[in-house]
Amino acid sequence: MEILDKLEAIKKRWEDLAAQMNDPSAMSDMKRFVQLNKDYKELEPIVKAYNDYSKLMADIKSAKDVLKNEKDPDFKEMAKEELEELEPQIEELEEEIRVLLIPKDPQDDKNAVMEIRAGTGGDEASIFAGDLYRMYQKYCETKNWKIDVVDVNEGTAGGFKEIVFDVIGEGAYGMLKFESGVHRVQRVPKTETQGRVHTSAASVVVLPEADEFDVELNDKDIRKDTFCSSGPGGQSVNTTYSAIRLTHIPTGIVVSCQDEKSQIKNLAKAMKVLRTRLYEREHAKYMEEMSSKRKTMVSTGDRSAKIRTYNWPQGRVTDHRINLTLYNLQQIVDGDLQELSDALQIAENAERLKEGLE
C-alpha cells in the first residue's frame, strides 16, 4: 500500500536521525545537532501512528485468517466481532495520518514576536490596540506562555500607539500566526458624546522569533545609540541612558528597547528583535511563495489585509478569511481564542491537503 510505503520511509528516516544524534561528531556542530533533534521530534508522532496502523492491519489480517481457516464456531464468532470493531478504525487512523503527513511549517514550534499598532481611529484605535494586547495576554495565560514586553508607545487616552512583545512558549508562533493582519472594531468610543458607532482599526504582526542559528549579525553593520527611557507624553522616567536603539546599516532597520532598567538587558532584547526583523524578510518571501500555491490563512505581512471585525453592538466577531461569525465577543476579547484558532488551523490543513492531492 502506498501509505504504508510512505510511512515505512519516514520510520527509516526517523531511525537514521536517531543514529546521527548519537554520533559523537554531531555534538561538535551545535547548529546541526539542534536541527537533527528538531527533525526527530517532528517525525515522532508519525512513527507512532505508523506503528498503530501496522498493528491494526496485522490484527485485521489475523482475524480474517481465523474466519477463513478456523473450524470452531466460537473462535469464528470472536474473530467476526473483532473485525467489526477493528475495520471502522482504519478510515479514522488513515485520516489522522493524512493530516500528520501535511508538510509542517518549520517555524511553528518557535516563540513568537508580536507587534500591535494603532491604525485609523485616533485615540479609539489606541484603546482598541490595548484591548487586543489584553486579549492576547489572557490567551497566553491559558497556554502557560510568558509575555515579555520589548518596546511600548502608550496612547494619550489609554491603550497603545504601538507595543512590541515576545511570546515565549512551545508552539507559540504556530498558534498565534493566524492573528497577523488588520483587526477592526465597531463600537461607541468612550470619547464619543452622541452615542454613535465608530469603526477603528489596529494592525497585528506575528513573526517567528529568529535565533542565533537563523540570522548571522555582524557587529560592524550595527550602530548602537543609547537614550533615556521615557513614559507617556514623553516625560522622563529614567535619568540614566539605559534605553537602546539599534540601526542595521545595510538594511536601515531600526529597533529600540527601553522596557528594562538595565542597558545590557535592553541591548539583548533589541538584538533579538533586530534578528527577527531581518529574519522577517526571508520569512515574508516564504509566505509569498506559500500563498501563491494555495489560499493560506496566514497573512503574508500585508498590513492592509483586513482579517477580523469585532462588533460590540451585535456582540459578534467575524473572521473574514473563513467567513466565520461567533456571537461570544466578550469571551473572545477575554482571551478565549481557541475556537477561532482551531477553525483557522482546520481551514489551513484543508488547503494543504488539497494541494497534496493536486
Protein backbone atom coordinates (compact mmCIF):
# COMPACT_ATOMS: atom_id res chain seq x y z
CA MET A 1 0.00 0.00 0.00
CA GLU A 2 1.19 3.50 -0.88
CA ILE A 3 0.50 4.91 2.58
CA LEU A 4 2.49 2.09 4.24
CA ASP A 5 5.41 2.63 1.86
CA LYS A 6 5.45 6.34 2.73
CA LEU A 7 5.25 5.62 6.45
CA GLU A 8 7.97 2.99 6.25
CA ALA A 9 10.27 5.53 4.56
CA ILE A 10 9.53 8.07 7.31
CA LYS A 11 10.30 5.49 10.00
CA LYS A 12 13.65 4.71 8.37
CA ARG A 13 14.41 8.44 8.25
CA TRP A 14 13.48 8.75 11.95
CA GLU A 15 15.80 5.86 12.87
CA ASP A 16 18.58 7.41 10.78
CA LEU A 17 18.15 10.73 12.63
CA ALA A 18 18.43 8.89 15.96
CA ALA A 19 21.67 7.27 14.81
CA GLN A 20 23.09 10.64 13.68
CA MET A 21 22.19 12.26 17.01
CA ASN A 22 24.03 9.52 18.87
CA ASP A 23 27.14 10.05 16.76
CA PRO A 24 29.72 11.97 18.88
CA SER A 25 30.56 14.18 15.88
CA ALA A 26 27.02 15.64 15.92
CA MET A 27 27.65 17.29 19.28
CA SER A 28 30.64 19.18 17.86
CA ASP A 29 28.30 21.07 15.49
CA MET A 30 25.56 22.52 17.72
CA LYS A 31 23.58 24.02 14.82
CA ARG A 32 23.41 20.61 13.13
CA PHE A 33 22.52 18.84 16.39
CA VAL A 34 19.66 21.28 17.11
CA GLN A 35 18.26 20.68 13.61
CA LEU A 36 18.59 16.87 13.94
CA ASN A 37 16.77 16.94 17.27
CA LYS A 38 14.00 19.14 15.83
CA ASP A 39 13.52 16.86 12.81
CA TYR A 40 13.49 13.78 15.07
CA LYS A 41 10.76 15.20 17.31
CA GLU A 42 8.65 16.27 14.33
CA LEU A 43 8.64 12.73 12.89
CA GLU A 44 7.89 11.03 16.23
CA PRO A 45 4.04 11.37 16.07
CA ILE A 46 4.03 10.00 12.50
CA VAL A 47 6.15 6.99 13.53
CA LYS A 48 3.76 6.28 16.42
CA ALA A 49 0.80 6.46 14.02
CA TYR A 50 2.66 4.10 11.65
CA ASN A 51 3.19 1.58 14.47
CA ASP A 52 -0.50 1.81 15.43
CA TYR A 53 -1.53 1.39 11.78
CA SER A 54 0.76 -1.60 11.25
CA LYS A 55 -0.61 -3.30 14.39
CA LEU A 56 -4.19 -2.61 13.31
CA MET A 57 -3.59 -4.10 9.86
CA ALA A 58 -1.89 -7.16 11.41
CA ASP A 59 -4.81 -7.68 13.83
CA ILE A 60 -7.32 -7.45 10.96
CA LYS A 61 -5.33 -9.95 8.89
CA SER A 62 -5.17 -12.33 11.86
CA ALA A 63 -8.94 -12.10 12.43
CA LYS A 64 -9.61 -12.75 8.72
CA ASP A 65 -7.32 -15.79 8.81
CA VAL A 66 -9.31 -17.18 11.75
CA LEU A 67 -12.59 -16.66 9.89
CA LYS A 68 -11.21 -18.40 6.82
CA ASN A 69 -9.42 -21.36 8.43
CA GLU A 70 -10.84 -21.94 11.92
CA LYS A 71 -13.43 -24.73 12.38
CA ASP A 72 -14.51 -23.85 15.92
CA PRO A 73 -17.66 -21.67 15.68
CA ASP A 74 -16.87 -19.85 18.95
CA PHE A 75 -13.46 -18.77 17.64
CA LYS A 76 -15.03 -17.70 14.36
CA GLU A 77 -17.64 -15.63 16.20
CA MET A 78 -14.93 -13.93 18.28
CA ALA A 79 -12.95 -13.17 15.12
CA LYS A 80 -16.06 -11.73 13.46
CA GLU A 81 -16.72 -9.44 16.44
CA GLU A 82 -13.09 -8.35 16.44
CA LEU A 83 -13.26 -7.46 12.73
CA GLU A 84 -16.43 -5.44 13.27
CA GLU A 85 -14.60 -3.47 15.95
CA LEU A 86 -11.29 -3.03 14.08
CA GLU A 87 -12.30 -2.27 10.49
CA PRO A 88 -14.02 1.08 11.23
CA GLN A 89 -10.78 2.23 12.87
CA ILE A 90 -8.86 2.02 9.56
CA GLU A 91 -10.51 5.06 7.95
CA GLU A 92 -10.21 7.11 11.16
CA LEU A 93 -6.50 6.30 11.53
CA GLU A 94 -5.81 6.91 7.83
CA GLU A 95 -7.40 10.38 8.12
CA GLU A 96 -5.24 11.11 11.17
CA ILE A 97 -2.15 10.00 9.24
CA ARG A 98 -3.08 12.16 6.21
CA VAL A 99 -3.20 15.22 8.50
CA LEU A 100 0.12 14.24 10.13
CA LEU A 101 1.71 13.93 6.68
CA ILE A 102 0.82 17.52 5.76
CA PRO A 103 4.14 19.37 5.50
CA LYS A 104 4.50 21.32 8.73
CA ASP A 105 5.55 24.94 8.78
CA PRO A 106 9.10 24.65 10.13
CA GLN A 107 8.56 27.84 12.16
CA ASP A 108 5.50 26.63 14.12
CA ASP A 109 7.37 25.45 17.22
CA LYS A 110 9.16 28.76 17.71
CA ASN A 111 8.46 31.58 20.13
CA ALA A 112 6.58 34.50 18.57
CA VAL A 113 7.32 38.20 18.28
CA MET A 114 4.13 40.27 18.14
CA GLU A 115 3.59 43.89 17.24
CA ILE A 116 0.26 45.69 17.71
CA ARG A 117 -0.04 49.13 16.12
CA ALA A 118 -2.97 51.54 16.32
CA GLY A 119 -4.38 52.36 12.89
CA THR A 120 -7.21 54.63 11.78
CA GLY A 121 -9.45 55.95 14.54
CA GLY A 122 -7.27 58.24 16.67
CA ASP A 123 -7.50 57.68 20.43
CA GLU A 124 -10.08 54.93 19.98
CA ALA A 125 -7.62 52.97 17.79
CA SER A 126 -5.02 53.16 20.57
CA ILE A 127 -7.59 52.00 23.13
CA PHE A 128 -8.50 49.10 20.82
CA ALA A 129 -4.80 48.20 20.42
CA GLY A 130 -4.72 48.00 24.23
CA ASP A 131 -7.77 45.71 24.19
CA LEU A 132 -6.08 43.41 21.67
CA TYR A 133 -2.94 43.26 23.83
CA ARG A 134 -5.06 42.32 26.87
CA MET A 135 -6.83 39.65 24.77
CA TYR A 136 -3.51 38.08 23.80
CA GLN A 137 -2.27 38.35 27.41
CA LYS A 138 -5.29 36.37 28.62
CA TYR A 139 -4.92 33.79 25.84
CA CYS A 140 -1.22 33.31 26.63
CA GLU A 141 -2.10 32.76 30.29
CA THR A 142 -4.35 29.83 29.31
CA LYS A 143 -1.39 28.32 27.40
CA ASN A 144 1.14 28.99 30.19
CA TRP A 145 3.16 31.12 27.79
CA LYS A 146 5.24 34.05 29.04
CA ILE A 147 4.88 37.56 27.60
CA ASP A 148 7.93 39.80 27.60
CA VAL A 149 7.36 43.44 26.51
CA VAL A 150 10.16 44.77 24.31
CA ASP A 151 9.01 48.26 23.34
CA VAL A 152 5.90 50.32 24.07
CA ASN A 153 4.47 53.68 22.99
CA GLU A 154 1.38 54.44 25.07
CA GLY A 155 -1.69 56.25 23.74
CA THR A 156 -2.66 59.65 25.14
CA ALA A 157 -6.15 58.39 26.16
CA GLY A 158 -5.09 54.86 27.10
CA GLY A 159 -4.03 51.76 25.24
CA PHE A 160 -1.05 51.83 22.91
CA LYS A 161 0.04 53.57 19.76
CA GLU A 162 2.40 50.63 19.39
CA ILE A 163 3.55 47.72 21.52
CA VAL A 164 6.09 45.01 20.67
CA PHE A 165 6.37 41.89 22.80
CA ASP A 166 7.76 38.36 22.78
CA VAL A 167 5.57 35.34 23.45
CA ILE A 168 7.72 32.59 24.91
CA GLY A 169 6.31 29.07 24.87
CA GLU A 170 6.30 25.86 22.86
CA GLY A 171 4.33 26.25 19.63
CA ALA A 172 3.55 29.93 20.27
CA TYR A 173 4.10 31.04 16.68
CA GLY A 174 2.13 28.10 15.27
CA MET A 175 -0.93 29.10 17.31
CA LEU A 176 -0.64 32.89 17.00
CA LYS A 177 0.41 33.25 13.36
CA PHE A 178 -3.23 33.46 12.23
CA GLU A 179 -3.56 36.78 14.13
CA SER A 180 -1.46 38.71 11.57
CA GLY A 181 -3.47 41.35 9.74
CA VAL A 182 -5.83 44.27 10.35
CA HIS A 183 -8.36 43.93 13.18
CA ARG A 184 -11.37 46.28 13.04
CA VAL A 185 -13.61 47.34 15.91
CA GLN A 186 -17.14 48.73 15.63
CA ARG A 187 -18.43 50.32 18.84
CA VAL A 188 -19.32 53.57 20.58
CA PRO A 189 -15.96 55.01 21.71
CA LYS A 190 -15.51 56.35 25.23
CA THR A 191 -14.66 59.67 23.57
CA GLU A 192 -18.00 59.78 21.66
CA THR A 193 -20.59 62.10 23.26
CA GLN A 194 -23.56 61.39 20.95
CA GLY A 195 -23.59 57.60 21.14
CA ARG A 196 -22.57 56.97 17.51
CA VAL A 197 -20.86 53.74 16.49
CA HIS A 198 -17.37 54.30 15.06
CA THR A 199 -15.06 51.95 13.16
CA SER A 200 -11.41 51.90 14.19
CA ALA A 201 -8.55 49.56 13.42
CA ALA A 202 -5.27 48.17 14.66
CA SER A 203 -2.72 46.05 12.82
CA VAL A 204 -1.16 42.93 14.29
CA VAL A 205 2.06 41.39 13.00
CA VAL A 206 3.18 37.98 14.26
CA LEU A 207 6.66 36.69 13.44
CA PRO A 208 8.57 33.56 14.37
CA GLU A 209 11.39 34.51 16.70
CA ALA A 210 14.75 34.20 14.99
CA ASP A 211 17.51 32.56 16.99
CA GLU A 212 21.23 32.89 16.50
CA PHE A 213 21.26 29.94 14.11
CA ASP A 214 18.78 31.64 11.73
CA VAL A 215 20.45 35.03 11.26
CA GLU A 216 24.10 35.96 11.47
CA LEU A 217 24.70 39.54 12.61
CA ASN A 218 27.97 41.35 12.03
CA ASP A 219 28.81 43.91 14.74
CA LYS A 220 30.27 46.37 12.20
CA ASP A 221 26.87 46.52 10.47
CA ILE A 222 25.10 47.72 13.63
CA ARG A 223 25.07 51.27 15.02
CA LYS A 224 24.17 51.43 18.71
CA ASP A 225 22.69 54.54 20.33
CA THR A 226 21.65 54.99 23.96
CA PHE A 227 18.99 57.34 25.33
CA CYS A 228 16.89 57.92 28.45
CA SER A 229 13.71 55.87 28.80
CA SER A 230 10.54 57.94 28.69
CA GLY A 231 6.97 57.41 29.78
CA PRO A 232 3.56 58.55 28.41
CA GLY A 233 3.65 62.07 26.98
CA GLY A 234 7.43 61.97 26.76
CA GLN A 235 8.20 62.65 30.42
CA SER A 236 11.49 61.16 31.58
CA VAL A 237 11.17 58.14 33.83
CA ASN A 238 14.81 57.19 33.83
CA THR A 239 17.71 59.59 34.12
CA THR A 240 20.27 57.00 33.04
CA TYR A 241 20.95 56.11 29.42
CA SER A 242 19.56 52.58 29.67
CA ALA A 243 17.35 52.61 26.56
CA ILE A 244 18.89 51.19 23.38
CA ARG A 245 18.37 51.99 19.71
CA LEU A 246 19.99 49.73 17.10
CA THR A 247 20.31 50.60 13.43
CA HIS A 248 21.21 47.88 10.94
CA ILE A 249 23.21 49.91 8.42
CA PRO A 250 22.87 47.62 5.33
CA THR A 251 19.05 47.50 5.54
CA GLY A 252 18.20 50.67 7.50
CA ILE A 253 16.15 48.64 10.01
CA VAL A 254 15.85 50.46 13.36
CA VAL A 255 14.73 48.82 16.62
CA SER A 256 14.63 50.18 20.15
CA CYS A 257 14.08 48.80 23.62
CA GLN A 258 13.53 50.72 26.84
CA ASP A 259 11.50 48.25 28.89
CA GLU A 260 14.31 47.21 31.24
CA LYS A 261 16.27 49.42 33.65
CA SER A 262 19.45 47.62 32.63
CA GLN A 263 21.19 48.71 29.42
CA ILE A 264 22.59 45.18 28.99
CA LYS A 265 19.11 43.63 29.17
CA ASN A 266 17.70 46.20 26.76
CA LEU A 267 20.56 45.52 24.34
CA ALA A 268 19.89 41.77 24.45
CA LYS A 269 16.20 42.33 23.76
CA ALA A 270 16.90 44.81 20.96
CA MET A 271 19.35 42.38 19.32
CA LYS A 272 16.69 39.68 19.44
CA VAL A 273 14.15 41.95 17.75
CA LEU A 274 16.69 43.07 15.12
CA ARG A 275 17.49 39.45 14.36
CA THR A 276 13.77 38.75 13.99
CA ARG A 277 13.24 41.80 11.73
CA LEU A 278 15.99 40.58 9.39
CA TYR A 279 14.53 37.08 9.52
CA GLU A 280 11.12 38.58 8.69
CA ARG A 281 12.38 39.49 5.22
CA GLU A 282 13.19 35.88 4.38
CA HIS A 283 10.01 34.67 6.08
CA ALA A 284 7.91 37.13 4.03
CA LYS A 285 9.36 35.63 0.83
CA TYR A 286 8.49 32.15 2.14
CA MET A 287 4.89 33.23 2.92
CA GLU A 288 4.50 34.86 -0.50
CA GLU A 289 5.60 31.61 -2.09
CA MET A 290 3.15 29.61 0.02
CA SER A 291 0.22 31.95 -0.69
CA SER A 292 0.90 31.73 -4.43
CA LYS A 293 0.47 27.96 -4.19
CA ARG A 294 -2.64 27.93 -2.02
CA LYS A 295 -5.12 30.14 -0.18
CA THR A 296 -3.19 30.28 3.07
CA MET A 297 -4.97 31.53 6.20
CA VAL A 298 -1.80 33.29 7.37
CA SER A 299 -1.19 36.88 6.32
CA THR A 300 1.87 37.44 4.15
CA GLY A 301 2.65 40.56 6.15
CA ASP A 302 0.42 42.96 4.20
CA ARG A 303 -0.74 45.39 6.89
CA SER A 304 -3.79 46.35 4.81
CA ALA A 305 -5.27 42.82 4.83
CA LYS A 306 -8.46 43.05 6.95
CA ILE A 307 -8.88 39.73 8.73
CA ARG A 308 -11.35 40.22 11.60
CA THR A 309 -14.11 42.54 12.83
CA TYR A 310 -15.21 42.92 16.46
CA ASN A 311 -18.77 44.35 16.52
CA TRP A 312 -19.77 45.44 20.04
CA PRO A 313 -23.43 46.47 19.37
CA GLN A 314 -24.21 42.98 17.99
CA GLY A 315 -21.80 41.10 20.28
CA ARG A 316 -20.18 39.30 17.35
CA VAL A 317 -16.73 38.58 15.97
CA THR A 318 -16.31 37.78 12.26
CA ASP A 319 -13.18 36.28 10.73
CA HIS A 320 -13.36 37.28 7.07
CA ARG A 321 -10.85 34.70 5.82
CA ILE A 322 -13.12 31.75 6.60
CA ASN A 323 -16.46 33.61 6.86
CA LEU A 324 -16.86 32.52 10.47
CA THR A 325 -19.05 34.61 12.79
CA LEU A 326 -19.21 33.90 16.52
CA TYR A 327 -21.59 35.59 18.96
CA ASN A 328 -19.39 35.39 22.05
CA LEU A 329 -17.44 38.63 21.66
CA GLN A 330 -16.89 39.19 25.37
CA GLN A 331 -15.36 35.71 25.88
CA ILE A 332 -13.11 36.22 22.85
CA VAL A 333 -11.77 39.61 23.99
CA ASP A 334 -11.25 37.98 27.39
CA GLY A 335 -8.78 35.60 25.73
CA ASP A 336 -10.93 32.67 24.57
CA LEU A 337 -9.39 32.44 21.10
CA GLN A 338 -9.25 28.66 20.83
CA GLU A 339 -12.38 28.18 18.67
CA LEU A 340 -11.15 30.77 16.18
CA SER A 341 -7.64 29.33 16.18
CA ASP A 342 -8.89 25.76 15.67
CA ALA A 343 -11.19 26.78 12.80
CA LEU A 344 -8.35 28.61 11.04
CA GLN A 345 -5.98 25.66 11.52
CA ILE A 346 -8.58 23.26 10.07
CA ALA A 347 -9.05 25.55 7.04
CA GLU A 348 -5.28 25.77 6.59
CA ASN A 349 -4.92 21.97 6.80
CA ALA A 350 -7.71 21.52 4.25
CA GLU A 351 -5.85 23.79 1.82
CA ARG A 352 -2.62 21.87 2.39
CA LEU A 353 -4.38 18.52 1.89
CA LYS A 354 -5.93 19.80 -1.35
CA GLU A 355 -2.52 20.97 -2.51
CA GLY A 356 -1.11 17.49 -1.81
CA LEU A 357 -3.85 15.83 -3.85
CA GLU A 358 -3.41 18.07 -6.90
